[in-house]
Amino acid sequence: MAAPMSLLVEFGGGAELLFDGIKKHQVTLPCQPEPWDIRNLLKWIKQNLLKERPELFIQGDTVRPGILVLINDADWELMGELDYKLQDQDNVVFISTLHGG
């Protein structure tokens, strides 16, 4: 059983507008049978933090193209993307690279 976990989840580049304009969220993830990974975190974010227009953040079971994901300041592609097993006190940042012009 995965113990409760504390994370800092941040949104930037306009993505914060989908989360009531709040850029930094200190969150505690509840206990669950399997370890927390980014895939499960995205589901939790959609259910608990996302306030509007989920189609601008989530596509299928991952983030929409154009959203950069950093885990502890490293590109998530280097960390295993959706399969990265979260650790207590991780910092996960979502930055939208989609801007109007």
N, C-alpha and C. Protein backbone atom coordinates (compact mmCIF):
# COMPACT_ATOMS: atom_id res chain seq x y z
N MET A 1 0.85 -1.18 0.00
CA MET A 1 0.00 0.00 0.00
C MET A 1 0.89 1.24 0.00
N ALA A 2 0.62 2.16 -0.94
CA ALA A 2 1.37 3.40 -1.03
C ALA A 2 0.90 4.36 0.07
N ALA A 3 1.85 4.87 0.84
CA ALA A 3 1.54 5.80 1.92
C ALA A 3 1.13 7.16 1.35
N PRO A 4 0.47 7.99 2.15
CA PRO A 4 0.17 9.34 1.70
C PRO A 4 1.46 10.05 1.28
N MET A 5 1.36 10.92 0.29
CA MET A 5 2.54 11.55 -0.27
C MET A 5 2.29 13.04 -0.46
N SER A 6 3.28 13.85 -0.10
CA SER A 6 3.17 15.29 -0.26
C SER A 6 3.97 15.73 -1.49
N LEU A 7 3.33 16.52 -2.35
CA LEU A 7 3.96 17.00 -3.59
C LEU A 7 3.70 18.49 -3.74
N LEU A 8 4.59 19.15 -4.49
CA LEU A 8 4.32 20.50 -4.95
C LEU A 8 4.00 20.37 -6.44
N VAL A 9 2.79 20.78 -6.81
CA VAL A 9 2.35 20.72 -8.20
C VAL A 9 2.19 22.17 -8.66
N GLU A 10 2.86 22.51 -9.78
CA GLU A 10 2.84 23.88 -10.27
C GLU A 10 2.33 23.93 -11.71
N PHE A 11 1.69 25.04 -12.05
CA PHE A 11 1.17 25.26 -13.39
C PHE A 11 1.64 26.62 -13.87
N GLY A 12 2.06 26.71 -15.14
CA GLY A 12 2.55 27.98 -15.68
C GLY A 12 2.27 28.10 -17.16
N GLY A 13 2.68 29.23 -17.73
CA GLY A 13 2.51 29.48 -19.15
C GLY A 13 1.06 29.62 -19.58
N GLY A 14 0.19 29.91 -18.64
CA GLY A 14 -1.23 30.02 -18.92
C GLY A 14 -2.03 28.82 -18.43
N ALA A 15 -1.38 27.70 -18.18
CA ALA A 15 -2.09 26.51 -17.68
C ALA A 15 -2.75 26.79 -16.34
N GLU A 16 -2.19 27.72 -15.55
CA GLU A 16 -2.76 28.02 -14.24
C GLU A 16 -4.18 28.58 -14.34
N LEU A 17 -4.54 29.13 -15.51
CA LEU A 17 -5.89 29.67 -15.68
C LEU A 17 -6.96 28.59 -15.59
N LEU A 18 -6.58 27.33 -15.85
CA LEU A 18 -7.51 26.21 -15.73
C LEU A 18 -7.68 25.76 -14.28
N PHE A 19 -6.85 26.32 -13.39
CA PHE A 19 -6.83 25.93 -11.98
C PHE A 19 -7.09 27.15 -11.09
N ASP A 20 -8.10 27.94 -11.46
CA ASP A 20 -8.48 29.15 -10.72
C ASP A 20 -7.35 30.17 -10.63
N GLY A 21 -6.41 30.14 -11.56
CA GLY A 21 -5.31 31.10 -11.57
C GLY A 21 -4.25 30.84 -10.52
N ILE A 22 -4.35 29.71 -9.83
CA ILE A 22 -3.39 29.38 -8.77
C ILE A 22 -2.23 28.59 -9.38
N LYS A 23 -1.01 29.13 -9.25
CA LYS A 23 0.16 28.51 -9.87
C LYS A 23 0.73 27.36 -9.04
N LYS A 24 0.76 27.50 -7.71
CA LYS A 24 1.40 26.49 -6.85
C LYS A 24 0.36 25.83 -5.96
N HIS A 25 0.40 24.51 -5.95
CA HIS A 25 -0.52 23.72 -5.13
C HIS A 25 0.32 22.73 -4.31
N GLN A 26 0.30 22.87 -2.99
CA GLN A 26 0.92 21.87 -2.12
C GLN A 26 -0.16 20.82 -1.88
N VAL A 27 0.05 19.60 -2.37
CA VAL A 27 -0.99 18.58 -2.28
C VAL A 27 -0.50 17.37 -1.50
N THR A 28 -1.45 16.69 -0.87
CA THR A 28 -1.17 15.42 -0.22
C THR A 28 -2.03 14.37 -0.90
N LEU A 29 -1.36 13.42 -1.53
CA LEU A 29 -2.06 12.33 -2.20
C LEU A 29 -2.40 11.25 -1.19
N PRO A 30 -3.61 10.69 -1.25
CA PRO A 30 -4.03 9.70 -0.26
C PRO A 30 -3.36 8.33 -0.47
N CYS A 31 -3.51 7.46 0.53
CA CYS A 31 -3.04 6.07 0.39
C CYS A 31 -3.80 5.41 -0.75
N GLN A 32 -3.11 4.52 -1.45
CA GLN A 32 -3.77 3.70 -2.48
C GLN A 32 -2.98 2.40 -2.60
N PRO A 33 -3.61 1.36 -3.18
CA PRO A 33 -2.96 0.05 -3.23
C PRO A 33 -1.65 0.03 -4.02
N GLU A 34 -1.60 0.72 -5.17
CA GLU A 34 -0.38 0.70 -5.97
C GLU A 34 0.38 2.02 -5.80
N PRO A 35 1.68 2.03 -6.11
CA PRO A 35 2.46 3.28 -5.97
C PRO A 35 1.90 4.38 -6.87
N TRP A 36 2.03 5.61 -6.43
CA TRP A 36 1.60 6.76 -7.23
C TRP A 36 2.56 6.96 -8.39
N ASP A 37 2.02 7.12 -9.60
CA ASP A 37 2.83 7.48 -10.75
C ASP A 37 2.17 8.70 -11.41
N ILE A 38 2.80 9.22 -12.46
CA ILE A 38 2.27 10.42 -13.12
C ILE A 38 0.89 10.14 -13.71
N ARG A 39 0.67 8.95 -14.23
CA ARG A 39 -0.64 8.60 -14.80
C ARG A 39 -1.74 8.77 -13.74
N ASN A 40 -1.50 8.23 -12.54
CA ASN A 40 -2.48 8.36 -11.46
C ASN A 40 -2.59 9.81 -10.97
N LEU A 41 -1.46 10.52 -10.96
CA LEU A 41 -1.48 11.92 -10.55
C LEU A 41 -2.36 12.74 -11.48
N LEU A 42 -2.27 12.50 -12.79
CA LEU A 42 -3.09 13.25 -13.74
C LEU A 42 -4.58 13.02 -13.50
N LYS A 43 -4.95 11.78 -13.19
CA LYS A 43 -6.36 11.49 -12.86
C LYS A 43 -6.77 12.25 -11.60
N TRP A 44 -5.88 12.25 -10.60
CA TRP A 44 -6.18 12.95 -9.34
C TRP A 44 -6.31 14.45 -9.58
N ILE A 45 -5.40 15.02 -10.39
CA ILE A 45 -5.47 16.45 -10.71
C ILE A 45 -6.78 16.78 -11.40
N LYS A 46 -7.18 15.95 -12.35
CA LYS A 46 -8.43 16.20 -13.08
C LYS A 46 -9.63 16.19 -12.13
N GLN A 47 -9.63 15.28 -11.16
CA GLN A 47 -10.76 15.17 -10.24
C GLN A 47 -10.73 16.21 -9.11
N ASN A 48 -9.54 16.66 -8.72
CA ASN A 48 -9.42 17.48 -7.52
C ASN A 48 -8.96 18.92 -7.71
N LEU A 49 -8.23 19.21 -8.76
CA LEU A 49 -7.69 20.55 -8.94
C LEU A 49 -8.23 21.29 -10.16
N LEU A 50 -8.44 20.56 -11.25
CA LEU A 50 -8.84 21.17 -12.51
C LEU A 50 -10.23 21.78 -12.39
N LYS A 51 -10.35 23.07 -12.71
CA LYS A 51 -11.61 23.78 -12.51
C LYS A 51 -12.41 23.97 -13.79
N GLU A 52 -11.75 24.02 -14.94
CA GLU A 52 -12.49 24.26 -16.18
C GLU A 52 -11.73 23.71 -17.38
N ARG A 53 -12.46 23.47 -18.45
CA ARG A 53 -11.95 23.06 -19.75
C ARG A 53 -10.88 21.97 -19.68
N PRO A 54 -11.23 20.79 -19.19
CA PRO A 54 -10.24 19.71 -19.08
C PRO A 54 -9.59 19.35 -20.41
N GLU A 55 -10.30 19.60 -21.52
CA GLU A 55 -9.73 19.26 -22.84
C GLU A 55 -8.50 20.09 -23.16
N LEU A 56 -8.28 21.20 -22.46
CA LEU A 56 -7.08 22.01 -22.67
C LEU A 56 -5.90 21.52 -21.86
N PHE A 57 -6.12 20.55 -20.97
CA PHE A 57 -5.04 20.02 -20.14
C PHE A 57 -4.82 18.52 -20.35
N ILE A 58 -5.90 17.77 -20.42
CA ILE A 58 -5.83 16.30 -20.52
C ILE A 58 -6.28 15.86 -21.90
N GLN A 59 -5.56 14.90 -22.46
CA GLN A 59 -6.00 14.25 -23.70
C GLN A 59 -5.80 12.75 -23.52
N GLY A 60 -6.90 12.02 -23.44
CA GLY A 60 -6.81 10.59 -23.12
C GLY A 60 -6.36 10.43 -21.69
N ASP A 61 -5.28 9.68 -21.46
CA ASP A 61 -4.76 9.50 -20.10
C ASP A 61 -3.46 10.25 -19.87
N THR A 62 -3.15 11.22 -20.75
CA THR A 62 -1.92 11.99 -20.62
C THR A 62 -2.22 13.47 -20.77
N VAL A 63 -1.17 14.30 -20.70
CA VAL A 63 -1.38 15.73 -20.91
C VAL A 63 -1.52 16.00 -22.40
N ARG A 64 -2.19 17.07 -22.70
CA ARG A 64 -2.38 17.47 -24.09
C ARG A 64 -1.03 17.87 -24.70
N PRO A 65 -0.82 17.59 -26.00
CA PRO A 65 0.40 18.07 -26.65
C PRO A 65 0.54 19.59 -26.46
N GLY A 66 1.76 20.04 -26.23
CA GLY A 66 1.99 21.46 -25.99
C GLY A 66 2.13 21.79 -24.52
N ILE A 67 2.00 20.80 -23.65
CA ILE A 67 2.22 21.02 -22.22
C ILE A 67 3.52 20.32 -21.83
N LEU A 68 4.47 21.12 -21.40
CA LEU A 68 5.77 20.63 -20.95
C LEU A 68 5.63 20.17 -19.51
N VAL A 69 6.14 18.98 -19.21
CA VAL A 69 6.06 18.45 -17.85
C VAL A 69 7.48 18.29 -17.31
N LEU A 70 7.73 18.88 -16.15
CA LEU A 70 9.02 18.76 -15.48
C LEU A 70 8.82 18.07 -14.14
N ILE A 71 9.70 17.12 -13.85
CA ILE A 71 9.70 16.44 -12.55
C ILE A 71 11.01 16.77 -11.89
N ASN A 72 10.95 17.51 -10.78
CA ASN A 72 12.16 17.96 -10.09
C ASN A 72 13.12 18.63 -11.06
N ASP A 73 12.58 19.52 -11.90
CA ASP A 73 13.32 20.33 -12.87
C ASP A 73 13.91 19.55 -14.04
N ALA A 74 13.51 18.29 -14.23
CA ALA A 74 13.97 17.49 -15.37
C ALA A 74 12.78 17.15 -16.27
N ASP A 75 13.01 17.15 -17.58
CA ASP A 75 11.97 16.80 -18.54
C ASP A 75 11.44 15.41 -18.22
N TRP A 76 10.13 15.27 -18.19
CA TRP A 76 9.54 13.98 -17.82
C TRP A 76 9.89 12.88 -18.81
N GLU A 77 10.26 13.24 -20.05
CA GLU A 77 10.66 12.23 -21.03
C GLU A 77 11.91 11.48 -20.56
N LEU A 78 12.74 12.14 -19.76
CA LEU A 78 13.94 11.50 -19.22
C LEU A 78 13.63 10.67 -17.98
N MET A 79 12.43 10.86 -17.43
CA MET A 79 12.08 10.23 -16.15
C MET A 79 11.10 9.07 -16.30
N GLY A 80 10.66 8.78 -17.54
CA GLY A 80 9.73 7.68 -17.74
C GLY A 80 8.30 8.12 -18.01
N GLU A 81 8.10 9.42 -18.19
CA GLU A 81 6.78 9.99 -18.50
C GLU A 81 5.70 9.48 -17.54
N LEU A 82 4.62 8.89 -18.09
CA LEU A 82 3.48 8.48 -17.26
C LEU A 82 3.82 7.43 -16.21
N ASP A 83 4.89 6.66 -16.45
CA ASP A 83 5.25 5.56 -15.55
C ASP A 83 6.17 5.98 -14.40
N TYR A 84 6.60 7.23 -14.37
CA TYR A 84 7.48 7.68 -13.29
C TYR A 84 6.79 7.50 -11.95
N LYS A 85 7.46 6.81 -11.04
CA LYS A 85 6.93 6.58 -9.69
C LYS A 85 7.24 7.79 -8.82
N LEU A 86 6.20 8.46 -8.39
CA LEU A 86 6.36 9.66 -7.58
C LEU A 86 6.99 9.35 -6.23
N GLN A 87 7.78 10.31 -5.76
CA GLN A 87 8.43 10.21 -4.45
C GLN A 87 7.90 11.36 -3.58
N ASP A 88 7.87 11.14 -2.28
CA ASP A 88 7.45 12.19 -1.36
C ASP A 88 8.31 13.43 -1.59
N GLN A 89 7.68 14.60 -1.61
CA GLN A 89 8.32 15.90 -1.79
C GLN A 89 8.75 16.21 -3.23
N ASP A 90 8.32 15.38 -4.21
CA ASP A 90 8.60 15.70 -5.61
C ASP A 90 7.95 17.03 -5.99
N ASN A 91 8.54 17.69 -6.98
CA ASN A 91 7.98 18.91 -7.56
C ASN A 91 7.64 18.60 -9.01
N VAL A 92 6.34 18.69 -9.35
CA VAL A 92 5.87 18.40 -10.70
C VAL A 92 5.31 19.69 -11.28
N VAL A 93 5.86 20.10 -12.43
CA VAL A 93 5.50 21.38 -13.04
C VAL A 93 4.90 21.10 -14.43
N PHE A 94 3.79 21.76 -14.71
CA PHE A 94 3.12 21.68 -16.01
C PHE A 94 3.14 23.08 -16.61
N ILE A 95 3.79 23.23 -17.78
CA ILE A 95 3.90 24.54 -18.43
C ILE A 95 3.28 24.46 -19.81
N SER A 96 2.30 25.30 -20.06
CA SER A 96 1.68 25.35 -21.39
C SER A 96 2.60 26.11 -22.32
N THR A 97 2.85 25.53 -23.50
CA THR A 97 3.62 26.22 -24.52
C THR A 97 2.70 26.73 -25.62
N LEU A 98 1.39 26.59 -25.40
CA LEU A 98 0.40 27.02 -26.38
C LEU A 98 -0.04 28.44 -26.02
N HIS A 99 0.26 29.38 -26.89
CA HIS A 99 -0.09 30.77 -26.63
C HIS A 99 -0.79 31.35 -27.84
N GLY A 100 -1.71 32.22 -27.59
CA GLY A 100 -2.38 32.92 -28.69
C GLY A 100 -1.44 33.92 -29.33
N GLY A 101 -1.81 34.38 -30.49
CA GLY A 101 -0.92 35.33 -31.13
C GLY A 101 -1.66 36.25 -32.06
